[in-house]
Amino acid sequence: MKTEKLRIRICPRCGKAYGDRPALSRTDNVTLICPDCGTREALQSIGVDTDEQDRILSVIHRNTDRH
C-alpha cells in the first residue's frame, strides 16, 4: 500500500486547512479542494440543499475521524 506524507493544504473554496486526500473540484476538474467541499459539490450536483448538506457532513464527521 502506498503511503503518503501528511500535508496540510488550504482549501481554495472554503479557506479551511485540511490534511486528508484532496477532492477534485467539479467546477473546473483541475482545482484540488478539501473533502468536505468535494462532498458538498457532489451533493449540490444532485440538488441537495445546503441545510441537508450540513446534516450529511455532520453524520460523516460523527462516524469518521474526518473534521
N, C-alpha and C. Protein backbone atom coordinates (compact mmCIF):
# COMPACT_ATOMS: atom_id res chain seq x y z
N MET A 1 0.85 -1.18 0.00
CA MET A 1 0.00 0.00 0.00
C MET A 1 0.89 1.24 0.00
N LYS A 2 0.56 2.16 -0.84
CA LYS A 2 1.32 3.39 -0.93
C LYS A 2 1.00 4.28 0.27
N THR A 3 2.02 4.84 0.88
CA THR A 3 1.79 5.74 1.99
C THR A 3 2.10 7.17 1.56
N GLU A 4 1.34 8.08 2.11
CA GLU A 4 1.52 9.49 1.78
C GLU A 4 1.93 10.23 3.03
N LYS A 5 2.79 11.23 2.87
CA LYS A 5 3.13 12.09 3.98
C LYS A 5 1.95 13.02 4.24
N LEU A 6 1.73 13.32 5.53
CA LEU A 6 0.68 14.25 5.87
C LEU A 6 1.06 15.62 5.36
N ARG A 7 0.19 16.20 4.58
CA ARG A 7 0.43 17.52 4.01
C ARG A 7 -0.79 18.38 4.29
N ILE A 8 -0.55 19.49 4.94
CA ILE A 8 -1.65 20.40 5.24
C ILE A 8 -1.81 21.35 4.06
N ARG A 9 -3.04 21.44 3.59
CA ARG A 9 -3.38 22.32 2.48
C ARG A 9 -4.47 23.28 2.93
N ILE A 10 -4.62 24.37 2.22
CA ILE A 10 -5.72 25.31 2.45
C ILE A 10 -6.69 25.18 1.27
N CYS A 11 -7.94 24.91 1.59
CA CYS A 11 -8.95 24.75 0.55
C CYS A 11 -9.25 26.11 -0.09
N PRO A 12 -9.12 26.21 -1.41
CA PRO A 12 -9.42 27.48 -2.06
C PRO A 12 -10.91 27.82 -2.09
N ARG A 13 -11.73 26.83 -1.82
CA ARG A 13 -13.18 27.07 -1.85
C ARG A 13 -13.70 27.59 -0.52
N CYS A 14 -13.29 26.97 0.61
CA CYS A 14 -13.81 27.38 1.91
C CYS A 14 -12.76 28.07 2.79
N GLY A 15 -11.48 27.95 2.42
CA GLY A 15 -10.42 28.61 3.17
C GLY A 15 -9.92 27.86 4.39
N LYS A 16 -10.44 26.67 4.65
CA LYS A 16 -10.03 25.89 5.83
C LYS A 16 -8.82 25.03 5.51
N ALA A 17 -8.01 24.77 6.55
CA ALA A 17 -6.88 23.86 6.42
C ALA A 17 -7.39 22.42 6.52
N TYR A 18 -6.77 21.53 5.75
CA TYR A 18 -7.14 20.12 5.81
C TYR A 18 -5.91 19.26 5.52
N GLY A 19 -5.92 18.05 6.04
CA GLY A 19 -4.79 17.14 5.85
C GLY A 19 -5.16 15.86 5.13
N ASP A 20 -6.45 15.67 4.85
CA ASP A 20 -6.89 14.48 4.14
C ASP A 20 -6.56 14.58 2.65
N ARG A 21 -6.77 13.48 1.95
CA ARG A 21 -6.60 13.47 0.50
C ARG A 21 -7.57 14.46 -0.13
N PRO A 22 -7.11 15.32 -1.03
CA PRO A 22 -8.00 16.32 -1.62
C PRO A 22 -8.99 15.71 -2.60
N ALA A 23 -10.03 16.48 -2.86
CA ALA A 23 -11.01 16.14 -3.88
C ALA A 23 -10.76 17.04 -5.09
N LEU A 24 -11.16 16.59 -6.24
CA LEU A 24 -11.04 17.37 -7.46
C LEU A 24 -12.35 18.12 -7.67
N SER A 25 -12.27 19.44 -7.76
CA SER A 25 -13.47 20.25 -7.92
C SER A 25 -14.21 19.90 -9.20
N ARG A 26 -15.51 19.79 -9.10
CA ARG A 26 -16.35 19.52 -10.26
C ARG A 26 -16.52 20.75 -11.14
N THR A 27 -16.21 21.93 -10.60
CA THR A 27 -16.43 23.15 -11.36
C THR A 27 -15.44 23.33 -12.50
N ASP A 28 -14.18 22.86 -12.29
CA ASP A 28 -13.18 23.04 -13.36
C ASP A 28 -12.35 21.79 -13.63
N ASN A 29 -12.55 20.74 -12.84
CA ASN A 29 -11.80 19.48 -13.00
C ASN A 29 -10.29 19.67 -12.93
N VAL A 30 -9.84 20.71 -12.22
CA VAL A 30 -8.41 21.00 -12.06
C VAL A 30 -8.08 21.30 -10.60
N THR A 31 -8.91 22.11 -9.96
CA THR A 31 -8.64 22.61 -8.62
C THR A 31 -8.83 21.52 -7.57
N LEU A 32 -7.83 21.40 -6.67
CA LEU A 32 -7.94 20.48 -5.54
C LEU A 32 -8.60 21.21 -4.39
N ILE A 33 -9.63 20.58 -3.80
CA ILE A 33 -10.39 21.17 -2.70
C ILE A 33 -10.45 20.17 -1.55
N CYS A 34 -10.90 20.64 -0.39
CA CYS A 34 -10.98 19.74 0.76
C CYS A 34 -12.08 18.70 0.56
N PRO A 35 -12.00 17.60 1.29
CA PRO A 35 -13.02 16.55 1.15
C PRO A 35 -14.44 17.05 1.42
N ASP A 36 -14.60 17.94 2.40
CA ASP A 36 -15.95 18.45 2.69
C ASP A 36 -16.51 19.23 1.51
N CYS A 37 -15.69 20.09 0.91
CA CYS A 37 -16.17 20.85 -0.26
C CYS A 37 -16.43 19.91 -1.43
N GLY A 38 -15.64 18.86 -1.57
CA GLY A 38 -15.88 17.87 -2.61
C GLY A 38 -17.22 17.19 -2.41
N THR A 39 -17.51 16.85 -1.15
CA THR A 39 -18.80 16.24 -0.83
C THR A 39 -19.93 17.22 -1.11
N ARG A 40 -19.75 18.48 -0.72
CA ARG A 40 -20.78 19.49 -0.97
C ARG A 40 -21.04 19.66 -2.47
N GLU A 41 -19.97 19.70 -3.28
CA GLU A 41 -20.16 19.85 -4.73
C GLU A 41 -20.92 18.66 -5.30
N ALA A 42 -20.59 17.46 -4.83
CA ALA A 42 -21.29 16.26 -5.31
C ALA A 42 -22.77 16.31 -4.92
N LEU A 43 -23.05 16.66 -3.68
CA LEU A 43 -24.44 16.73 -3.22
C LEU A 43 -25.20 17.83 -3.94
N GLN A 44 -24.55 18.97 -4.13
CA GLN A 44 -25.19 20.07 -4.85
C GLN A 44 -25.54 19.67 -6.28
N SER A 45 -24.67 18.86 -6.90
CA SER A 45 -24.90 18.46 -8.29
C SER A 45 -26.16 17.61 -8.46
N ILE A 46 -26.62 17.00 -7.34
CA ILE A 46 -27.85 16.21 -7.42
C ILE A 46 -29.02 16.92 -6.73
N GLY A 47 -28.83 18.22 -6.45
CA GLY A 47 -29.94 19.02 -5.95
C GLY A 47 -30.15 19.03 -4.45
N VAL A 48 -29.16 18.60 -3.68
CA VAL A 48 -29.30 18.60 -2.22
C VAL A 48 -29.03 20.02 -1.71
N ASP A 49 -29.96 20.56 -0.91
CA ASP A 49 -29.80 21.93 -0.43
C ASP A 49 -28.74 22.02 0.68
N THR A 50 -28.34 23.24 1.01
CA THR A 50 -27.25 23.49 1.96
C THR A 50 -27.53 22.92 3.34
N ASP A 51 -28.76 23.06 3.83
CA ASP A 51 -29.10 22.53 5.15
C ASP A 51 -28.93 21.02 5.21
N GLU A 52 -29.37 20.33 4.18
CA GLU A 52 -29.23 18.88 4.13
C GLU A 52 -27.75 18.49 3.98
N GLN A 53 -26.99 19.26 3.21
CA GLN A 53 -25.55 19.01 3.09
C GLN A 53 -24.89 19.10 4.46
N ASP A 54 -25.27 20.11 5.24
CA ASP A 54 -24.72 20.26 6.60
C ASP A 54 -25.03 19.04 7.46
N ARG A 55 -26.26 18.55 7.37
CA ARG A 55 -26.65 17.37 8.15
C ARG A 55 -25.85 16.14 7.71
N ILE A 56 -25.69 15.98 6.42
CA ILE A 56 -24.94 14.82 5.89
C ILE A 56 -23.48 14.89 6.34
N LEU A 57 -22.87 16.06 6.22
CA LEU A 57 -21.48 16.21 6.66
C LEU A 57 -21.34 15.98 8.16
N SER A 58 -22.32 16.40 8.93
CA SER A 58 -22.31 16.16 10.37
C SER A 58 -22.29 14.66 10.67
N VAL A 59 -23.08 13.89 9.95
CA VAL A 59 -23.09 12.43 10.13
C VAL A 59 -21.74 11.83 9.72
N ILE A 60 -21.19 12.29 8.62
CA ILE A 60 -19.88 11.80 8.18
C ILE A 60 -18.84 12.08 9.25
N HIS A 61 -18.82 13.29 9.78
CA HIS A 61 -17.83 13.66 10.79
C HIS A 61 -18.03 12.89 12.08
N ARG A 62 -19.25 12.63 12.43
CA ARG A 62 -19.55 11.88 13.65
C ARG A 62 -19.07 10.44 13.55
N ASN A 63 -19.04 9.89 12.35
CA ASN A 63 -18.71 8.49 12.15
C ASN A 63 -17.33 8.22 11.56
N THR A 64 -16.52 9.27 11.44
CA THR A 64 -15.15 9.12 10.97
C THR A 64 -14.26 10.05 11.78
N ASP A 65 -12.98 9.98 11.52
CA ASP A 65 -12.05 10.89 12.17
C ASP A 65 -11.95 12.20 11.44
N ARG A 66 -12.65 12.33 10.32
CA ARG A 66 -12.57 13.50 9.46
C ARG A 66 -13.35 14.66 10.05
N HIS A 67 -12.71 15.82 10.23
CA HIS A 67 -13.39 17.03 10.75
C HIS A 67 -13.17 18.16 9.81
